[in-house]
Amino acid sequence: MTKARANQWEFPGGKIDQGEKEEEALIREIFEELGVRIRIGTRLESLEHEYPDIAIRLIPFIASLESEDIVLAEHSDVYWAGFAELAALNFSEADRKVVAMLRTHPSTQGLVG
């Protein structure tokens, strides 16, 4: 997770550029924000969230790091949380929905720590 606005945690990611596939966008955004390469696994169900000033669509994926030398480019902090810790962290409103999904999704069963 990364720490951004309102001192809340967010999952890293960003916008999909025109002509870009979802997976390509995630790989690019993670590299731009954290300087690491990832391997993408399961795509979870997309969800939408409306803030007072903007509506966003989140397309979460389960991914793993291929490198671990994180270099922050766009965030004030980074934290590698164990799966069991997620519910206790102060997430942005939109990402709280992702945390709830992760807790019940079949692809995350058995992931603890």
C-alpha atoms as a PDB file:
ATOM      1  CA  MET A   1       0.000   0.000   0.000  1.00  0.00           C
ATOM      2  CA  THR A   2       1.013   3.586  -0.438  1.00  0.00           C
ATOM      3  CA  LYS A   3       0.138   6.635   1.621  1.00  0.00           C
ATOM      4  CA  ALA A   4      -1.269   9.585  -0.272  1.00  0.00           C
ATOM      5  CA  ARG A   5      -4.017  12.156   0.260  1.00  0.00           C
ATOM      6  CA  ALA A   6      -5.608  12.676   3.673  1.00  0.00           C
ATOM      7  CA  ASN A   7      -2.878  10.521   5.204  1.00  0.00           C
ATOM      8  CA  GLN A   8      -4.761   7.384   4.166  1.00  0.00           C
ATOM      9  CA  TRP A   9      -3.459   4.180   2.649  1.00  0.00           C
ATOM     10  CA  GLU A  10      -4.241   3.282  -0.950  1.00  0.00           C
ATOM     11  CA  PHE A  11      -3.383   0.358  -3.158  1.00  0.00           C
ATOM     12  CA  PRO A  12      -0.967   1.534  -5.868  1.00  0.00           C
ATOM     13  CA  GLY A  13      -2.266   1.945  -9.403  1.00  0.00           C
ATOM     14  CA  GLY A  14      -3.626   4.606 -11.698  1.00  0.00           C
ATOM     15  CA  LYS A  15      -5.337   5.487 -14.929  1.00  0.00           C
ATOM     16  CA  ILE A  16      -5.418   3.363 -18.065  1.00  0.00           C
ATOM     17  CA  ASP A  17      -3.983   5.210 -21.046  1.00  0.00           C
ATOM     18  CA  GLN A  18      -5.823   5.104 -24.362  1.00  0.00           C
ATOM     19  CA  GLY A  19      -5.067   1.866 -26.204  1.00  0.00           C
ATOM     20  CA  GLU A  20      -3.549   0.273 -23.100  1.00  0.00           C
ATOM     21  CA  LYS A  21      -4.753  -3.006 -21.589  1.00  0.00           C
ATOM     22  CA  GLU A  22      -5.634  -3.097 -17.890  1.00  0.00           C
ATOM     23  CA  GLU A  23      -2.649  -5.301 -17.083  1.00  0.00           C
ATOM     24  CA  GLU A  24      -0.261  -3.070 -19.041  1.00  0.00           C
ATOM     25  CA  ALA A  25      -1.534  -0.020 -17.169  1.00  0.00           C
ATOM     26  CA  LEU A  26      -1.013  -1.691 -13.804  1.00  0.00           C
ATOM     27  CA  ILE A  27       2.532  -2.786 -14.643  1.00  0.00           C
ATOM     28  CA  ARG A  28       3.369   0.732 -15.883  1.00  0.00           C
ATOM     29  CA  GLU A  29       1.755   2.522 -12.930  1.00  0.00           C
ATOM     30  CA  ILE A  30       3.452   0.310 -10.333  1.00  0.00           C
ATOM     31  CA  PHE A  31       6.817   0.913 -11.982  1.00  0.00           C
ATOM     32  CA  GLU A  32       6.218   4.684 -12.187  1.00  0.00           C
ATOM     33  CA  GLU A  33       5.039   4.949  -8.577  1.00  0.00           C
ATOM     34  CA  LEU A  34       7.287   2.411  -6.852  1.00  0.00           C
ATOM     35  CA  GLY A  35      10.104   1.556  -9.255  1.00  0.00           C
ATOM     36  CA  VAL A  36       9.391  -2.194  -9.070  1.00  0.00           C
ATOM     37  CA  ARG A  37       8.277  -4.859 -11.513  1.00  0.00           C
ATOM     38  CA  ILE A  38       5.290  -7.072 -10.752  1.00  0.00           C
ATOM     39  CA  ARG A  39       3.788 -10.324 -11.963  1.00  0.00           C
ATOM     40  CA  ILE A  40       0.014 -10.077 -12.354  1.00  0.00           C
ATOM     41  CA  GLY A  41      -2.173 -12.932 -11.170  1.00  0.00           C
ATOM     42  CA  THR A  42      -5.925 -12.969 -10.652  1.00  0.00           C
ATOM     43  CA  ARG A  43      -8.137 -10.094 -11.799  1.00  0.00           C
ATOM     44  CA  LEU A  44     -10.847  -9.364  -9.257  1.00  0.00           C
ATOM     45  CA  GLU A  45     -14.277  -7.894  -9.923  1.00  0.00           C
ATOM     46  CA  SER A  46     -14.153  -4.199 -10.783  1.00  0.00           C
ATOM     47  CA  LEU A  47     -16.036  -1.782  -8.568  1.00  0.00           C
ATOM     48  CA  GLU A  48     -17.026   1.857  -8.563  1.00  0.00           C
ATOM     49  CA  HIS A  49     -16.859   4.533  -5.898  1.00  0.00           C
ATOM     50  CA  GLU A  50     -18.146   8.091  -5.881  1.00  0.00           C
ATOM     51  CA  TYR A  51     -16.301  10.785  -4.006  1.00  0.00           C
ATOM     52  CA  PRO A  52     -17.963  14.224  -3.740  1.00  0.00           C
ATOM     53  CA  ASP A  53     -15.880  15.526  -6.657  1.00  0.00           C
ATOM     54  CA  ILE A  54     -15.185  12.437  -8.790  1.00  0.00           C
ATOM     55  CA  ALA A  55     -16.398   8.934  -9.580  1.00  0.00           C
ATOM     56  CA  ILE A  56     -13.743   6.262 -10.003  1.00  0.00           C
ATOM     57  CA  ARG A  57     -13.659   2.664 -11.217  1.00  0.00           C
ATOM     58  CA  LEU A  58     -11.247   0.297  -9.520  1.00  0.00           C
ATOM     59  CA  ILE A  59      -9.991  -2.836 -11.263  1.00  0.00           C
ATOM     60  CA  PRO A  60      -8.115  -4.797  -8.592  1.00  0.00           C
ATOM     61  CA  PHE A  61      -5.621  -7.559  -9.320  1.00  0.00           C
ATOM     62  CA  ILE A  62      -3.695  -9.984  -7.158  1.00  0.00           C
ATOM     63  CA  ALA A  63      -0.016  -9.468  -8.036  1.00  0.00           C
ATOM     64  CA  SER A  64       3.422 -10.366  -6.740  1.00  0.00           C
ATOM     65  CA  LEU A  65       6.692  -8.453  -6.724  1.00  0.00           C
ATOM     66  CA  GLU A  66       9.445  -9.467  -9.126  1.00  0.00           C
ATOM     67  CA  SER A  67      11.846  -6.997  -7.508  1.00  0.00           C
ATOM     68  CA  GLU A  68      11.848  -5.493  -4.023  1.00  0.00           C
ATOM     69  CA  ASP A  69      13.902  -2.292  -4.297  1.00  0.00           C
ATOM     70  CA  ILE A  70      11.054   0.197  -3.864  1.00  0.00           C
ATOM     71  CA  VAL A  71      11.709   3.821  -4.816  1.00  0.00           C
ATOM     72  CA  LEU A  72       8.838   6.183  -3.987  1.00  0.00           C
ATOM     73  CA  ALA A  73       8.077   8.655  -6.760  1.00  0.00           C
ATOM     74  CA  GLU A  74       4.517   9.805  -6.019  1.00  0.00           C
ATOM     75  CA  HIS A  75       3.720   8.869  -2.411  1.00  0.00           C
ATOM     76  CA  SER A  76       4.843   9.834   1.083  1.00  0.00           C
ATOM     77  CA  ASP A  77       5.215   6.288   2.411  1.00  0.00           C
ATOM     78  CA  VAL A  78       4.901   2.624   1.512  1.00  0.00           C
ATOM     79  CA  TYR A  79       3.927  -0.302   3.724  1.00  0.00           C
ATOM     80  CA  TRP A  80       3.954  -4.006   2.973  1.00  0.00           C
ATOM     81  CA  ALA A  81       1.059  -5.379   5.044  1.00  0.00           C
ATOM     82  CA  GLY A  82       0.215  -8.922   5.876  1.00  0.00           C
ATOM     83  CA  PHE A  83      -3.204  -9.989   4.657  1.00  0.00           C
ATOM     84  CA  ALA A  84      -4.556 -10.135   8.223  1.00  0.00           C
ATOM     85  CA  GLU A  85      -3.508  -6.497   8.842  1.00  0.00           C
ATOM     86  CA  LEU A  86      -5.528  -4.941   6.036  1.00  0.00           C
ATOM     87  CA  ALA A  87      -8.790  -4.448   7.950  1.00  0.00           C
ATOM     88  CA  ALA A  88      -7.041  -2.428  10.676  1.00  0.00           C
ATOM     89  CA  LEU A  89      -5.373   0.107   8.353  1.00  0.00           C
ATOM     90  CA  ASN A  90      -6.817   3.543   7.539  1.00  0.00           C
ATOM     91  CA  PHE A  91      -7.637   3.090   3.834  1.00  0.00           C
ATOM     92  CA  SER A  92      -9.231   5.576   1.465  1.00  0.00           C
ATOM     93  CA  GLU A  93     -12.983   5.036   1.085  1.00  0.00           C
ATOM     94  CA  ALA A  94     -12.667   3.422  -2.339  1.00  0.00           C
ATOM     95  CA  ASP A  95      -9.915   1.045  -1.261  1.00  0.00           C
ATOM     96  CA  ARG A  96     -11.935  -0.090   1.783  1.00  0.00           C
ATOM     97  CA  LYS A  97     -14.219  -1.763  -0.750  1.00  0.00           C
ATOM     98  CA  VAL A  98     -11.226  -3.606  -2.206  1.00  0.00           C
ATOM     99  CA  VAL A  99     -10.159  -4.753   1.279  1.00  0.00           C
ATOM    100  CA  ALA A 100     -13.673  -6.112   1.896  1.00  0.00           C
ATOM    101  CA  MET A 101     -13.528  -7.952  -1.436  1.00  0.00           C
ATOM    102  CA  LEU A 102     -10.112  -9.432  -0.651  1.00  0.00           C
ATOM    103  CA  ARG A 103     -11.379 -10.843   2.644  1.00  0.00           C
ATOM    104  CA  THR A 104     -14.018 -12.976   0.887  1.00  0.00           C
ATOM    105  CA  HIS A 105     -12.679 -13.648  -2.611  1.00  0.00           C
ATOM    106  CA  PRO A 106     -11.920 -17.340  -3.347  1.00  0.00           C
ATOM    107  CA  SER A 107      -8.480 -16.501  -4.786  1.00  0.00           C
ATOM    108  CA  THR A 108      -7.368 -15.022  -1.449  1.00  0.00           C
ATOM    109  CA  GLN A 109      -8.521 -17.852   0.792  1.00  0.00           C
ATOM    110  CA  GLY A 110      -5.538 -19.281   2.607  1.00  0.00           C
ATOM    111  CA  LEU A 111      -3.561 -16.038   2.338  1.00  0.00           C
ATOM    112  CA  VAL A 112      -2.704 -14.995   5.863  1.00  0.00           C
ATOM    113  CA  GLY A 113       0.097 -13.167   7.552  1.00  0.00           C
END
